[in-house]
Amino acid sequence: MKDLTQTEMNNLVINISATSQLLHELLDDLEETSYYRQTLKSATNRLQAELGKVCDSQTNDLWAADNKSMMAVQRGIAQMINQVRKADPLRIAAMGDLLKIDEDALIKETI
């Protein structure tokens, strides 16, 4: 098992929650199309339920410790979902490039 700091664990839990929420929302968008399969939605619901069992106490602790920051994170997740759900794949690639640029800038600032 990989040893993570508390901060790394907190970040991982938030990121898992955000990506599972994104998947759930995107599958909702597929629901009225020929690509939709109830099995996909069921599998996603089971995944979210299992993640909830593992991560909910950690997430609740984070909310209790810093409600203002967690509200900002929740708004950011909602904005990310809205941007990704209406974006074409090239725009998603560009978003990834922008995030990489920001990461590179942060690394340079700390050196």
C-alpha atoms as a PDB file:
ATOM      1  CA  MET A   1       0.000   0.000   0.000  1.00  0.00           C
ATOM      2  CA  LYS A   2       1.243   3.443  -0.911  1.00  0.00           C
ATOM      3  CA  ASP A   3       1.844   5.794   2.001  1.00  0.00           C
ATOM      4  CA  LEU A   4       0.093   9.124   1.476  1.00  0.00           C
ATOM      5  CA  THR A   5       0.224  12.239   3.589  1.00  0.00           C
ATOM      6  CA  GLN A   6      -3.087  13.465   4.976  1.00  0.00           C
ATOM      7  CA  THR A   7      -3.112  16.289   2.420  1.00  0.00           C
ATOM      8  CA  GLU A   8      -2.471  13.855  -0.443  1.00  0.00           C
ATOM      9  CA  MET A   9      -5.266  11.610   0.830  1.00  0.00           C
ATOM     10  CA  ASN A  10      -7.660  14.561   1.116  1.00  0.00           C
ATOM     11  CA  ASN A  11      -6.836  15.662  -2.430  1.00  0.00           C
ATOM     12  CA  LEU A  12      -7.284  12.142  -3.754  1.00  0.00           C
ATOM     13  CA  VAL A  13     -10.699  11.763  -2.105  1.00  0.00           C
ATOM     14  CA  ILE A  14     -11.859  15.092  -3.557  1.00  0.00           C
ATOM     15  CA  ASN A  15     -10.560  14.174  -7.025  1.00  0.00           C
ATOM     16  CA  ILE A  16     -12.247  10.759  -6.927  1.00  0.00           C
ATOM     17  CA  SER A  17     -15.510  12.382  -5.912  1.00  0.00           C
ATOM     18  CA  ALA A  18     -15.241  14.953  -8.701  1.00  0.00           C
ATOM     19  CA  THR A  19     -14.477  12.439 -11.422  1.00  0.00           C
ATOM     20  CA  SER A  20     -17.207  10.021 -10.353  1.00  0.00           C
ATOM     21  CA  GLN A  21     -19.675  12.908 -10.299  1.00  0.00           C
ATOM     22  CA  LEU A  22     -18.502  13.927 -13.784  1.00  0.00           C
ATOM     23  CA  LEU A  23     -19.006  10.386 -15.097  1.00  0.00           C
ATOM     24  CA  HIS A  24     -22.481  10.248 -13.565  1.00  0.00           C
ATOM     25  CA  GLU A  25     -23.493  13.569 -15.153  1.00  0.00           C
ATOM     26  CA  LEU A  26     -22.129  12.623 -18.568  1.00  0.00           C
ATOM     27  CA  LEU A  27     -24.025   9.322 -18.491  1.00  0.00           C
ATOM     28  CA  ASP A  28     -27.179  11.308 -17.711  1.00  0.00           C
ATOM     29  CA  ASP A  29     -26.552  13.214 -20.949  1.00  0.00           C
ATOM     30  CA  LEU A  30     -26.402   9.920 -22.855  1.00  0.00           C
ATOM     31  CA  GLU A  31     -29.708   8.716 -21.443  1.00  0.00           C
ATOM     32  CA  GLU A  32     -31.877   9.809 -24.379  1.00  0.00           C
ATOM     33  CA  THR A  33     -29.486   8.518 -27.063  1.00  0.00           C
ATOM     34  CA  SER A  34     -28.920   5.211 -28.809  1.00  0.00           C
ATOM     35  CA  TYR A  35     -25.579   4.864 -26.976  1.00  0.00           C
ATOM     36  CA  TYR A  36     -27.190   4.677 -23.561  1.00  0.00           C
ATOM     37  CA  ARG A  37     -27.290   1.356 -21.728  1.00  0.00           C
ATOM     38  CA  GLN A  38     -28.917   0.937 -18.345  1.00  0.00           C
ATOM     39  CA  THR A  39     -26.033  -1.359 -17.411  1.00  0.00           C
ATOM     40  CA  LEU A  40     -23.625   1.590 -17.714  1.00  0.00           C
ATOM     41  CA  LYS A  41     -25.731   3.706 -15.418  1.00  0.00           C
ATOM     42  CA  SER A  42     -26.161   0.823 -12.956  1.00  0.00           C
ATOM     43  CA  ALA A  43     -22.417   0.189 -12.904  1.00  0.00           C
ATOM     44  CA  THR A  44     -21.770   3.886 -12.296  1.00  0.00           C
ATOM     45  CA  ASN A  45     -24.316   3.958  -9.462  1.00  0.00           C
ATOM     46  CA  ARG A  46     -22.664   0.912  -7.862  1.00  0.00           C
ATOM     47  CA  LEU A  47     -19.245   2.545  -8.217  1.00  0.00           C
ATOM     48  CA  GLN A  48     -20.478   5.747  -6.602  1.00  0.00           C
ATOM     49  CA  ALA A  49     -22.108   3.806  -3.768  1.00  0.00           C
ATOM     50  CA  GLU A  50     -18.896   1.886  -3.122  1.00  0.00           C
ATOM     51  CA  LEU A  51     -16.822   5.073  -3.278  1.00  0.00           C
ATOM     52  CA  GLY A  52     -19.270   6.627  -0.848  1.00  0.00           C
ATOM     53  CA  LYS A  53     -18.707   3.816   1.640  1.00  0.00           C
ATOM     54  CA  VAL A  54     -14.965   4.375   1.451  1.00  0.00           C
ATOM     55  CA  CYS A  55     -14.747   8.153   1.078  1.00  0.00           C
ATOM     56  CA  ASP A  56     -17.830   9.736   2.676  1.00  0.00           C
ATOM     57  CA  SER A  57     -16.410   9.959   6.190  1.00  0.00           C
ATOM     58  CA  GLN A  58     -13.247  11.590   4.829  1.00  0.00           C
ATOM     59  CA  THR A  59     -15.286  14.016   2.725  1.00  0.00           C
ATOM     60  CA  ASN A  60     -17.549  14.865   5.673  1.00  0.00           C
ATOM     61  CA  ASP A  61     -14.488  15.558   7.818  1.00  0.00           C
ATOM     62  CA  LEU A  62     -13.125  17.898   5.148  1.00  0.00           C
ATOM     63  CA  TRP A  63     -16.462  19.744   4.935  1.00  0.00           C
ATOM     64  CA  ALA A  64     -16.572  20.133   8.701  1.00  0.00           C
ATOM     65  CA  ALA A  65     -12.978  21.351   8.875  1.00  0.00           C
ATOM     66  CA  ASP A  66     -13.171  23.935   6.087  1.00  0.00           C
ATOM     67  CA  ASN A  67     -16.669  24.559   4.779  1.00  0.00           C
ATOM     68  CA  LYS A  68     -15.704  27.666   2.780  1.00  0.00           C
ATOM     69  CA  SER A  69     -12.961  25.882   0.843  1.00  0.00           C
ATOM     70  CA  MET A  70     -15.107  22.816   0.248  1.00  0.00           C
ATOM     71  CA  MET A  71     -17.905  25.021  -1.131  1.00  0.00           C
ATOM     72  CA  ALA A  72     -15.354  26.530  -3.531  1.00  0.00           C
ATOM     73  CA  VAL A  73     -14.256  23.019  -4.534  1.00  0.00           C
ATOM     74  CA  GLN A  74     -17.883  21.987  -5.098  1.00  0.00           C
ATOM     75  CA  ARG A  75     -18.477  25.049  -7.296  1.00  0.00           C
ATOM     76  CA  GLY A  76     -15.297  24.212  -9.220  1.00  0.00           C
ATOM     77  CA  ILE A  77     -16.465  20.635  -9.763  1.00  0.00           C
ATOM     78  CA  ALA A  78     -19.835  21.886 -11.033  1.00  0.00           C
ATOM     79  CA  GLN A  79     -18.100  24.310 -13.412  1.00  0.00           C
ATOM     80  CA  MET A  80     -15.785  21.555 -14.644  1.00  0.00           C
ATOM     81  CA  ILE A  81     -18.771  19.289 -15.293  1.00  0.00           C
ATOM     82  CA  ASN A  82     -20.556  22.029 -17.216  1.00  0.00           C
ATOM     83  CA  GLN A  83     -17.498  22.737 -19.350  1.00  0.00           C
ATOM     84  CA  VAL A  84     -16.666  19.104 -20.093  1.00  0.00           C
ATOM     85  CA  ARG A  85     -20.234  18.026 -20.850  1.00  0.00           C
ATOM     86  CA  LYS A  86     -20.580  20.592 -23.664  1.00  0.00           C
ATOM     87  CA  ALA A  87     -17.018  20.474 -24.979  1.00  0.00           C
ATOM     88  CA  ASP A  88     -15.788  18.690 -28.054  1.00  0.00           C
ATOM     89  CA  PRO A  89     -12.780  16.378 -27.528  1.00  0.00           C
ATOM     90  CA  LEU A  90     -10.274  18.925 -28.874  1.00  0.00           C
ATOM     91  CA  ARG A  91     -11.451  21.478 -26.325  1.00  0.00           C
ATOM     92  CA  ILE A  92     -10.985  18.902 -23.573  1.00  0.00           C
ATOM     93  CA  ALA A  93      -7.436  18.340 -24.853  1.00  0.00           C
ATOM     94  CA  ALA A  94      -6.859  22.114 -24.731  1.00  0.00           C
ATOM     95  CA  MET A  95      -8.157  22.215 -21.135  1.00  0.00           C
ATOM     96  CA  GLY A  96      -5.619  19.539 -20.264  1.00  0.00           C
ATOM     97  CA  ASP A  97      -2.870  21.599 -21.896  1.00  0.00           C
ATOM     98  CA  LEU A  98      -3.890  24.657 -19.865  1.00  0.00           C
ATOM     99  CA  LEU A  99      -3.777  22.638 -16.661  1.00  0.00           C
ATOM    100  CA  LYS A 100      -0.310  21.375 -17.578  1.00  0.00           C
ATOM    101  CA  ILE A 101       0.887  24.944 -18.165  1.00  0.00           C
ATOM    102  CA  ASP A 102      -0.422  25.973 -14.730  1.00  0.00           C
ATOM    103  CA  GLU A 103       1.316  22.963 -13.147  1.00  0.00           C
ATOM    104  CA  ASP A 104       4.609  23.827 -14.859  1.00  0.00           C
ATOM    105  CA  ALA A 105       4.336  27.433 -13.644  1.00  0.00           C
ATOM    106  CA  LEU A 106       3.724  26.296 -10.065  1.00  0.00           C
ATOM    107  CA  ILE A 107       6.761  24.028 -10.193  1.00  0.00           C
ATOM    108  CA  LYS A 108       8.946  26.908 -11.430  1.00  0.00           C
ATOM    109  CA  GLU A 109       7.632  29.203  -8.672  1.00  0.00           C
ATOM    110  CA  THR A 110       8.635  26.738  -5.966  1.00  0.00           C
ATOM    111  CA  ILE A 111      12.160  26.256  -7.279  1.00  0.00           C
END
